[in-house]
Amino acid sequence: MKQTVKRNIRKLTAMCLAGIAAVAAASCSELPKPDENLLITGEEEERIVNLFSPMEKTDPDAENTARSAFDQTVLLAEEKLDVKVAYRTYTAEDYQDKTYDDVTLERARNNMDDLYLMNPDTIQMLGTEGKLADLSDLACVENLREVVKAANTIDGKLVAIPQEVVAYGLFVNKDLFDEYNLELPETPEEFLQCCKVFKEHGIETPVGANRWWLENFVFAQAFADLYNGGNTEEEIARLNSGESRYSDYMRPGFEFLKELIDKGYVDAQKAYVSEAIDGEGPDFLAQKTPMVMAYWGAANTETAYGKPDFNMQVIGFPSSRGQMPVVTITGFGIGSEAEHRQDARDLLETILSDEVLEVYTRTNKVISPSKNIEVDCIPALKPLNDRIEENVYVLASNAAMKVEQWGNTCRIVRELLNGSTVDECMAELDKLQEASLEK
């Protein structure tokens, strides 16, 4: 679908919009030149919808099911509507590049495209600024899951809709757990004990990490009760009013990450500069590290973890309520002043219809945003899917919260990786909340 859209999503899918993916600050100050990271393909003299995404449709070496599923739906829409989709793509090559999210913000604010594939924080920023059109009156909205509408509704306007709901989980090498007689962890304490045992048996880094997704540990611990305790709206209202502090919710998760770093269970220096999956993926597949974190689609795609040489299981992150899936809602949005706005609306209406979503969901084996379509998940994903089917999960992106969660938490986690203390990270959260109260 920050899924969370980063380099791994260049290879894998528009969902993460994973990771997703994930969100970052920029080190460049200008938009990329067309002959650098930005690619523009498929523009012709006819009815066109300009789509900005990280798909890299033109890369002949990047075979992946997710992108193929999206292409199938686009082809169906093009034939039905007699329009062409012009792919404009960008991918950050390393941690020093301007991120996909930064480029998306600049392009949307300058009305450079019609349709944008966005991560959660980008959706919230552009929606708040009025840069995204209201999609509430599309016919497909009637079939959407309530969680999708809640996550992407800003000031009463539904500003983005995904083709899939992105769930993040902990990918584990079950064979290594069995070798050392370890049960899959449910709580933070059990997780730390597993890491301790792996370390004692010579596994140098029990948790493979990158610069985008460690915040999932924070969300699972911070919001397990908020989203599963029956008082979600009341707790969010207290956070928005300042009666409750985000830092109080998130401190245990940051302390947990700090312990992982201090005990060497996570390589902070490597994680700080590693792109998602590219950094930790080789060691996980080589069985040098027993645990990594990724989004649902990474288990289905041959370019990631779809065919490991071991028994892989995808479970939720440790929390006080057991294994906890972390869900982000990415999505497609239309610029509020898009040049081809009606064609873009018609395109979305088509690819988000139940008929076409069924094709996408069946091909990509993901969680559909439509409440009418069930996922046929692979066995490795069953533990994560079971929890979601029980309505047990936390949201890492929620437009109802005044402080944007996914991108801000990701950024502050990177500060922790770079040497900040937990108290300094909490002070940063407090500043964000205070700023939100002044608006």
Protein backbone atom coordinates (compact mmCIF):
# COMPACT_ATOMS: atom_id res chain seq x y z
CA MET A 1 0.00 0.00 0.00
CA LYS A 2 5.06 4.23 6.63
CA GLN A 3 3.33 0.29 4.52
CA THR A 4 3.41 2.39 5.38
CA VAL A 5 5.82 3.42 0.22
CA LYS A 6 9.53 3.11 0.18
CA ARG A 7 12.16 1.28 -1.73
CA ASN A 8 10.76 -2.12 -0.95
CA ILE A 9 7.41 -1.01 -2.27
CA ARG A 10 9.16 0.02 -5.45
CA LYS A 11 9.84 -3.69 -5.80
CA LEU A 12 6.71 -5.01 -4.20
CA THR A 13 3.55 -2.94 -4.14
CA ALA A 14 1.79 0.29 -3.81
CA MET A 15 0.66 -0.56 -0.47
CA CYS A 16 2.73 0.52 2.07
CA LEU A 17 2.21 2.18 1.46
CA ALA A 18 4.13 0.02 3.88
CA GLY A 19 5.52 0.09 4.25
CA ILE A 20 4.32 0.43 3.06
CA ALA A 21 5.87 1.72 4.23
CA ALA A 22 7.00 4.48 5.85
CA VAL A 23 7.89 8.09 5.98
CA ALA A 24 11.06 10.13 6.14
CA ALA A 25 12.55 13.58 6.19
CA ALA A 26 14.30 14.84 3.09
CA SER A 27 17.96 15.59 2.59
CA CYS A 28 17.51 17.06 -0.90
CA SER A 29 15.98 20.45 -1.49
CA GLU A 30 14.68 20.17 -5.05
CA LEU A 31 12.39 17.93 -7.03
CA PRO A 32 14.30 15.21 -8.90
CA LYS A 33 15.06 15.86 -12.52
CA PRO A 34 13.27 13.59 -15.01
CA ASP A 35 16.51 11.78 -15.83
CA GLU A 36 17.20 10.99 -12.18
CA ASN A 37 14.75 9.25 -9.86
CA LEU A 38 11.56 10.44 -11.52
CA LEU A 39 10.17 8.35 -14.36
CA ILE A 40 7.29 9.36 -16.65
CA THR A 41 5.84 6.71 -18.95
CA GLY A 42 2.83 6.14 -21.14
CA GLU A 43 1.80 9.71 -21.96
CA GLU A 44 0.06 10.05 -25.33
CA GLU A 45 -2.23 12.45 -27.15
CA GLU A 46 -5.50 11.15 -25.74
CA ARG A 47 -7.55 11.13 -22.54
CA ILE A 48 -4.98 10.66 -19.83
CA VAL A 49 -4.95 10.31 -16.06
CA ASN A 50 -1.54 11.17 -14.60
CA LEU A 51 -0.76 8.79 -11.74
CA PHE A 52 2.13 9.47 -9.36
CA SER A 53 3.23 6.30 -7.61
CA PRO A 54 6.30 4.22 -6.73
CA MET A 55 5.31 1.41 -9.07
CA GLU A 56 8.26 1.55 -11.48
CA LYS A 57 6.17 -0.09 -14.18
CA THR A 58 9.10 0.23 -16.60
CA ASP A 59 11.60 -1.83 -14.58
CA PRO A 60 11.96 -5.12 -16.51
CA ASP A 61 13.70 -6.90 -13.63
CA ALA A 62 11.16 -6.16 -10.90
CA GLU A 63 8.75 -9.06 -11.15
CA ASN A 64 6.14 -8.86 -8.42
CA THR A 65 2.60 -10.02 -7.94
CA ALA A 66 1.41 -6.82 -6.31
CA ARG A 67 2.30 -4.56 -9.18
CA SER A 68 0.89 -7.06 -11.67
CA ALA A 69 -2.39 -7.04 -9.75
CA PHE A 70 -2.53 -3.26 -9.91
CA ASP A 71 -1.71 -3.28 -13.61
CA GLN A 72 -4.54 -5.71 -14.23
CA THR A 73 -7.03 -3.37 -12.59
CA VAL A 74 -5.71 -0.37 -14.49
CA LEU A 75 -6.02 -2.22 -17.79
CA LEU A 76 -9.63 -3.10 -16.98
CA ALA A 77 -10.36 0.56 -16.22
CA GLU A 78 -8.55 1.82 -19.33
CA GLU A 79 -10.58 -0.48 -21.57
CA LYS A 80 -13.86 0.37 -19.90
CA LEU A 81 -13.33 4.15 -19.83
CA ASP A 82 -11.21 4.59 -22.97
CA VAL A 83 -8.53 6.47 -21.04
CA LYS A 84 -4.81 5.95 -20.56
CA VAL A 85 -2.96 6.01 -17.25
CA ALA A 86 0.39 7.78 -17.46
CA TYR A 87 2.69 6.40 -14.76
CA ARG A 88 4.94 8.93 -13.09
CA THR A 89 7.19 7.18 -10.62
CA TYR A 90 9.86 8.05 -8.10
CA THR A 91 11.92 5.96 -5.72
CA ALA A 92 14.48 7.05 -3.15
CA GLU A 93 17.67 5.13 -3.84
CA ASP A 94 19.14 5.45 -0.34
CA TYR A 95 18.66 7.21 2.96
CA GLN A 96 20.20 10.45 1.66
CA ASP A 97 17.66 10.92 -1.13
CA LYS A 98 14.49 12.92 -0.87
CA THR A 99 11.83 10.39 0.07
CA TYR A 100 8.84 9.37 -1.99
CA ASP A 101 6.59 11.13 0.51
CA ASP A 102 8.50 14.39 0.25
CA VAL A 103 8.23 14.33 -3.53
CA THR A 104 4.53 13.45 -3.34
CA LEU A 105 3.87 16.45 -1.11
CA GLU A 106 5.66 18.82 -3.45
CA ARG A 107 3.96 17.46 -6.56
CA ALA A 108 0.47 17.54 -5.01
CA ARG A 109 0.96 21.03 -3.61
CA ASN A 110 1.95 22.19 -7.09
CA ASN A 111 -0.89 20.32 -8.84
CA MET A 112 1.49 18.32 -11.01
CA ASP A 113 -0.57 15.11 -11.30
CA ASP A 114 -4.17 13.92 -11.16
CA LEU A 115 -3.99 10.81 -8.99
CA TYR A 116 -1.58 10.09 -6.14
CA LEU A 117 -0.72 6.93 -4.25
CA MET A 118 0.00 8.07 -0.71
CA ASN A 119 1.24 6.92 2.65
CA PRO A 120 -0.85 7.71 5.75
CA ASP A 121 1.05 10.81 6.85
CA THR A 122 0.95 12.28 3.36
CA ILE A 123 -2.81 11.70 3.19
CA GLN A 124 -3.31 13.51 6.47
CA MET A 125 -1.11 16.47 5.55
CA LEU A 126 -2.55 17.01 2.09
CA GLY A 127 -6.10 16.39 3.28
CA THR A 128 -5.73 18.93 6.06
CA GLU A 129 -4.33 21.45 3.56
CA GLY A 130 -7.31 20.97 1.25
CA LYS A 131 -5.15 19.58 -1.56
CA LEU A 132 -7.22 16.41 -2.00
CA ALA A 133 -10.69 16.09 -3.49
CA ASP A 134 -13.59 14.68 -1.49
CA LEU A 135 -14.34 11.11 -2.62
CA SER A 136 -17.30 10.54 -0.30
CA ASP A 137 -19.84 10.48 -3.12
CA LEU A 138 -18.17 7.68 -5.11
CA ALA A 139 -20.47 4.67 -5.36
CA CYS A 140 -17.72 2.32 -4.14
CA VAL A 141 -17.66 4.08 -0.76
CA GLU A 142 -20.83 2.28 0.29
CA ASN A 143 -18.89 -1.02 0.31
CA LEU A 144 -15.84 0.18 2.24
CA ARG A 145 -14.93 -1.17 5.65
CA GLU A 146 -15.59 1.35 8.39
CA VAL A 147 -11.92 1.33 9.42
CA VAL A 148 -10.95 2.59 5.95
CA LYS A 149 -13.40 5.48 6.07
CA ALA A 150 -12.47 6.39 9.64
CA ALA A 151 -8.75 6.44 8.91
CA ASN A 152 -8.98 8.64 5.80
CA THR A 153 -11.80 11.05 6.63
CA ILE A 154 -10.64 14.61 7.37
CA ASP A 155 -13.10 17.38 8.26
CA GLY A 156 -15.94 15.19 7.03
CA LYS A 157 -14.28 14.47 3.67
CA LEU A 158 -13.05 11.06 2.56
CA VAL A 159 -9.80 12.05 0.84
CA ALA A 160 -8.20 8.70 -0.04
CA ILE A 161 -9.19 5.09 -0.69
CA PRO A 162 -6.82 2.09 -0.91
CA GLN A 163 -6.94 -1.06 -2.99
CA GLU A 164 -5.89 -3.00 0.07
CA VAL A 165 -5.68 -2.62 3.83
CA VAL A 166 -2.04 -2.89 4.90
CA ALA A 167 -1.37 -5.00 7.96
CA TYR A 168 2.13 -5.12 9.42
CA GLY A 169 3.37 -8.12 11.33
CA LEU A 170 6.42 -9.85 12.73
CA PHE A 171 7.88 -12.34 10.24
CA VAL A 172 9.51 -15.16 12.16
CA ASN A 173 11.62 -18.20 11.30
CA LYS A 174 9.57 -20.81 13.12
CA ASP A 175 12.29 -23.45 12.58
CA LEU A 176 14.76 -21.42 14.66
CA PHE A 177 12.19 -20.96 17.40
CA ASP A 178 11.59 -24.72 17.45
CA GLU A 179 15.33 -25.44 17.47
CA TYR A 180 15.71 -23.53 20.74
CA ASN A 181 12.36 -24.67 22.22
CA LEU A 182 10.88 -21.20 22.13
CA GLU A 183 7.21 -20.33 21.88
CA LEU A 184 6.26 -17.48 19.58
CA PRO A 185 6.17 -14.37 21.83
CA GLU A 186 2.93 -12.77 22.93
CA THR A 187 4.15 -10.02 25.27
CA PRO A 188 7.14 -7.65 25.29
CA GLU A 189 8.68 -9.65 28.14
CA GLU A 190 8.41 -12.90 26.19
CA PHE A 191 9.89 -11.22 23.11
CA LEU A 192 12.91 -10.01 25.08
CA GLN A 193 13.43 -13.50 26.49
CA CYS A 194 13.42 -14.98 22.98
CA CYS A 195 16.03 -12.43 21.91
CA LYS A 196 18.15 -13.31 24.93
CA VAL A 197 18.11 -17.01 24.07
CA PHE A 198 18.97 -16.37 20.42
CA LYS A 199 21.84 -14.11 21.44
CA GLU A 200 23.17 -16.74 23.87
CA HIS A 201 23.21 -19.27 21.05
CA GLY A 202 25.36 -17.13 18.80
CA ILE A 203 22.76 -15.29 16.73
CA GLU A 204 24.35 -11.88 16.55
CA THR A 205 21.25 -9.82 15.70
CA PRO A 206 17.95 -11.49 16.67
CA VAL A 207 15.83 -8.70 15.14
CA GLY A 208 16.50 -7.50 11.61
CA ALA A 209 15.41 -3.88 11.29
CA ASN A 210 15.31 -0.97 8.86
CA ARG A 211 14.74 2.76 9.20
CA TRP A 212 11.00 2.60 8.58
CA TRP A 213 9.18 -0.07 10.54
CA LEU A 214 10.45 -0.31 14.12
CA GLU A 215 7.62 2.02 15.10
CA ASN A 216 5.25 -0.95 14.78
CA PHE A 217 6.55 -2.18 18.14
CA VAL A 218 5.63 1.21 19.60
CA PHE A 219 2.11 1.28 18.14
CA ALA A 220 1.32 -2.26 19.28
CA GLN A 221 2.24 -1.48 22.87
CA ALA A 222 0.94 2.09 22.95
CA PHE A 223 -2.54 1.54 21.50
CA ALA A 224 -3.43 -2.08 22.30
CA ASP A 225 -5.92 -0.96 24.94
CA LEU A 226 -7.04 2.20 23.11
CA TYR A 227 -8.27 0.25 20.07
CA ASN A 228 -9.35 -2.92 21.85
CA GLY A 229 -10.63 -1.70 25.20
CA GLY A 230 -14.02 -0.39 24.14
CA ASN A 231 -13.29 3.33 24.69
CA THR A 232 -11.55 4.30 21.48
CA GLU A 233 -13.47 7.50 20.70
CA GLU A 234 -13.25 8.75 24.28
CA GLU A 235 -9.50 8.14 24.51
CA ILE A 236 -8.84 9.86 21.19
CA ALA A 237 -10.96 12.82 22.31
CA ARG A 238 -8.80 13.14 25.45
CA LEU A 239 -5.64 13.04 23.34
CA ASN A 240 -7.00 15.70 20.99
CA SER A 241 -7.95 17.96 23.89
CA GLY A 242 -4.61 17.54 25.64
CA GLU A 243 -6.17 15.85 28.66
CA SER A 244 -4.07 12.77 27.83
CA ARG A 245 -0.52 12.74 26.47
CA TYR A 246 0.71 10.74 23.50
CA SER A 247 4.02 10.44 25.31
CA ASP A 248 2.37 8.53 28.15
CA TYR A 249 0.95 6.03 25.68
CA MET A 250 4.18 5.64 23.74
CA ARG A 251 6.83 5.70 26.45
CA PRO A 252 6.70 1.91 27.12
CA GLY A 253 7.21 1.18 23.43
CA PHE A 254 10.20 3.52 23.18
CA GLU A 255 11.69 2.04 26.35
CA PHE A 256 11.25 -1.39 24.79
CA LEU A 257 13.10 -0.31 21.63
CA LYS A 258 15.86 1.25 23.71
CA GLU A 259 16.34 -2.06 25.51
CA LEU A 260 16.52 -3.89 22.18
CA ILE A 261 19.23 -1.48 21.07
CA ASP A 262 21.19 -1.47 24.33
CA LYS A 263 21.29 -5.28 24.49
CA GLY A 264 22.34 -5.60 20.87
CA TYR A 265 19.16 -7.31 19.76
CA VAL A 266 18.80 -4.61 17.07
CA ASP A 267 21.72 -3.11 15.14
CA ALA A 268 20.79 0.57 15.48
CA GLN A 269 23.51 1.87 13.17
CA LYS A 270 22.56 -0.49 10.36
CA ALA A 271 18.84 0.07 10.86
CA TYR A 272 19.27 3.85 10.69
CA VAL A 273 20.53 3.72 7.10
CA SER A 274 18.82 0.57 5.80
CA GLU A 275 15.99 0.63 3.30
CA ALA A 276 13.06 -1.65 4.08
CA ILE A 277 13.68 -5.33 3.27
CA ASP A 278 16.89 -4.53 1.39
CA GLY A 279 18.68 -4.00 4.71
CA GLU A 280 17.47 -6.94 6.78
CA GLY A 281 16.00 -9.23 4.12
CA PRO A 282 19.15 -11.12 3.05
CA ASP A 283 20.04 -12.07 6.64
CA PHE A 284 16.49 -13.24 7.33
CA LEU A 285 16.36 -15.39 4.21
CA ALA A 286 19.84 -16.77 5.03
CA GLN A 287 18.54 -17.67 8.53
CA LYS A 288 21.10 -15.43 10.23
CA THR A 289 18.36 -13.47 11.99
CA PRO A 290 15.11 -15.08 13.15
CA MET A 291 12.79 -12.06 13.09
CA VAL A 292 12.02 -9.12 10.82
CA MET A 293 9.02 -6.86 10.43
CA ALA A 294 7.15 -6.28 7.18
CA TYR A 295 3.73 -5.72 5.71
CA TRP A 296 1.25 -8.40 4.60
CA GLY A 297 2.11 -8.29 0.90
CA ALA A 298 5.77 -9.10 1.51
CA ALA A 299 4.77 -12.67 2.35
CA ASN A 300 3.12 -13.08 -1.06
CA THR A 301 5.83 -11.66 -3.28
CA GLU A 302 8.75 -13.60 -4.68
CA THR A 303 10.95 -10.49 -4.51
CA ALA A 304 10.64 -10.48 -0.71
CA TYR A 305 9.71 -13.38 1.57
CA GLY A 306 7.33 -15.42 -0.56
CA LYS A 307 9.56 -18.51 -0.87
CA PRO A 308 11.86 -18.90 2.16
CA ASP A 309 13.75 -22.13 2.80
CA PHE A 310 12.16 -22.47 6.23
CA ASN A 311 8.81 -22.44 7.99
CA MET A 312 7.88 -18.76 8.09
CA GLN A 313 5.04 -17.48 10.24
CA VAL A 314 3.66 -13.93 10.37
CA ILE A 315 2.37 -12.93 13.78
CA GLY A 316 1.38 -9.72 15.53
CA PHE A 317 3.76 -7.53 17.50
CA PRO A 318 4.08 -8.13 21.26
CA SER A 319 1.63 -6.24 23.46
CA SER A 320 -0.25 -6.48 26.75
CA ARG A 321 -3.10 -8.06 24.77
CA GLY A 322 -0.92 -10.59 22.97
CA GLN A 323 0.17 -10.65 19.36
CA MET A 324 -1.07 -7.40 17.83
CA PRO A 325 -1.36 -6.62 14.10
CA VAL A 326 -0.59 -3.01 13.19
CA VAL A 327 -2.77 -1.60 10.42
CA THR A 328 -2.13 1.44 8.26
CA ILE A 329 -4.47 2.87 5.66
CA THR A 330 -2.74 4.19 2.58
CA GLY A 331 -4.68 5.14 -0.50
CA PHE A 332 -5.26 6.81 -3.82
CA GLY A 333 -6.29 10.44 -3.73
CA ILE A 334 -7.17 12.97 -6.41
CA GLY A 335 -5.75 16.47 -6.42
CA SER A 336 -8.40 19.03 -5.53
CA GLU A 337 -7.42 21.01 -8.64
CA ALA A 338 -6.48 18.07 -10.86
CA GLU A 339 -6.47 18.83 -14.58
CA HIS A 340 -8.23 15.55 -15.41
CA ARG A 341 -10.30 15.33 -12.25
CA GLN A 342 -13.42 13.66 -13.68
CA ASP A 343 -11.43 11.04 -15.56
CA ALA A 344 -9.46 10.34 -12.38
CA ARG A 345 -12.72 9.95 -10.43
CA ASP A 346 -14.07 7.55 -13.04
CA LEU A 347 -10.84 5.58 -12.88
CA LEU A 348 -11.01 5.26 -9.11
CA GLU A 349 -14.68 4.32 -9.26
CA THR A 350 -13.77 1.47 -11.57
CA ILE A 351 -10.67 0.06 -9.86
CA LEU A 352 -12.35 0.31 -6.43
CA SER A 353 -15.57 -1.41 -7.47
CA ASP A 354 -16.19 -4.80 -5.87
CA GLU A 355 -15.86 -6.47 -9.27
CA VAL A 356 -12.36 -5.15 -9.89
CA LEU A 357 -11.26 -5.30 -6.23
CA GLU A 358 -12.08 -9.00 -6.37
CA VAL A 359 -9.52 -9.37 -9.16
CA TYR A 360 -6.92 -7.40 -7.21
CA THR A 361 -7.56 -9.24 -3.95
CA ARG A 362 -7.54 -12.68 -5.55
CA THR A 363 -4.32 -11.97 -7.46
CA ASN A 364 -2.46 -10.27 -4.63
CA LYS A 365 -3.98 -12.21 -1.70
CA VAL A 366 -4.43 -9.12 0.46
CA ILE A 367 -7.06 -7.65 2.77
CA SER A 368 -9.63 -5.83 0.67
CA PRO A 369 -10.98 -2.40 1.65
CA SER A 370 -14.42 -3.71 0.67
CA LYS A 371 -16.38 -5.40 3.42
CA ASN A 372 -17.85 -7.71 0.77
CA ILE A 373 -14.56 -9.38 -0.23
CA GLU A 374 -12.72 -11.94 1.91
CA VAL A 375 -9.02 -12.65 1.68
CA ASP A 376 -7.71 -16.11 0.82
CA CYS A 377 -4.42 -15.84 2.67
CA ILE A 378 -1.45 -18.15 2.47
CA PRO A 379 -0.73 -20.38 5.53
CA ALA A 380 2.16 -18.19 6.72
CA LEU A 381 -0.22 -15.25 7.15
CA LYS A 382 -2.95 -17.16 8.97
CA PRO A 383 -1.84 -16.18 12.52
CA LEU A 384 -1.95 -12.48 11.59
CA ASN A 385 -5.19 -12.83 9.66
CA ASP A 386 -6.87 -14.68 12.51
CA ARG A 387 -6.30 -11.73 14.84
CA ILE A 388 -7.60 -9.26 12.28
CA GLU A 389 -10.70 -11.40 11.67
CA GLU A 390 -11.26 -11.24 15.43
CA ASN A 391 -11.12 -7.41 15.08
CA VAL A 392 -7.96 -7.33 17.17
CA TYR A 393 -5.50 -4.77 15.82
CA VAL A 394 -4.24 -1.24 16.30
CA LEU A 395 -4.26 1.60 13.80
CA ALA A 396 -0.99 3.36 13.06
CA SER A 397 -2.78 6.00 10.99
CA ASN A 398 -5.98 7.69 12.07
CA ALA A 399 -7.13 11.01 10.66
CA ALA A 400 -9.27 11.52 13.78
CA MET A 401 -6.08 12.11 15.78
CA LYS A 402 -4.81 15.68 15.62
CA VAL A 403 -1.20 14.52 15.82
CA GLU A 404 -0.28 12.48 12.73
CA GLN A 405 0.97 9.12 13.93
CA TRP A 406 2.79 7.06 11.31
CA GLY A 407 5.25 9.59 9.94
CA ASN A 408 5.94 11.39 13.21
CA THR A 409 6.53 8.21 15.18
CA CYS A 410 8.78 6.84 12.44
CA ARG A 411 10.86 10.03 12.51
CA ILE A 412 11.21 10.03 16.29
CA VAL A 413 12.16 6.34 16.33
CA ARG A 414 14.98 7.21 13.96
CA GLU A 415 16.15 9.81 16.46
CA LEU A 416 16.28 7.02 19.04
CA LEU A 417 18.33 4.92 16.61
CA ASN A 418 20.67 7.86 16.19
CA GLY A 419 21.34 8.19 19.91
CA SER A 420 18.50 10.25 21.42
CA THR A 421 17.26 9.25 24.86
CA VAL A 422 13.73 8.08 25.54
CA ASP A 423 13.07 11.32 27.47
CA GLU A 424 14.21 13.37 24.47
CA CYS A 425 11.90 11.38 22.22
CA MET A 426 8.98 11.91 24.59
CA ALA A 427 9.71 15.65 24.69
CA GLU A 428 9.47 15.69 20.90
CA LEU A 429 6.07 13.99 21.09
CA ASP A 430 4.92 16.54 23.64
CA LYS A 431 5.96 19.38 21.33
CA LEU A 432 3.93 17.90 18.49
CA GLN A 433 0.89 17.61 20.73
CA GLU A 434 1.27 21.16 22.03
CA ALA A 435 1.50 22.43 18.45
CA SER A 436 -1.68 20.56 17.54
CA LEU A 437 -3.54 22.17 20.45
CA GLU A 438 -2.64 25.64 19.18
CA LYS A 439 -4.30 25.09 15.80
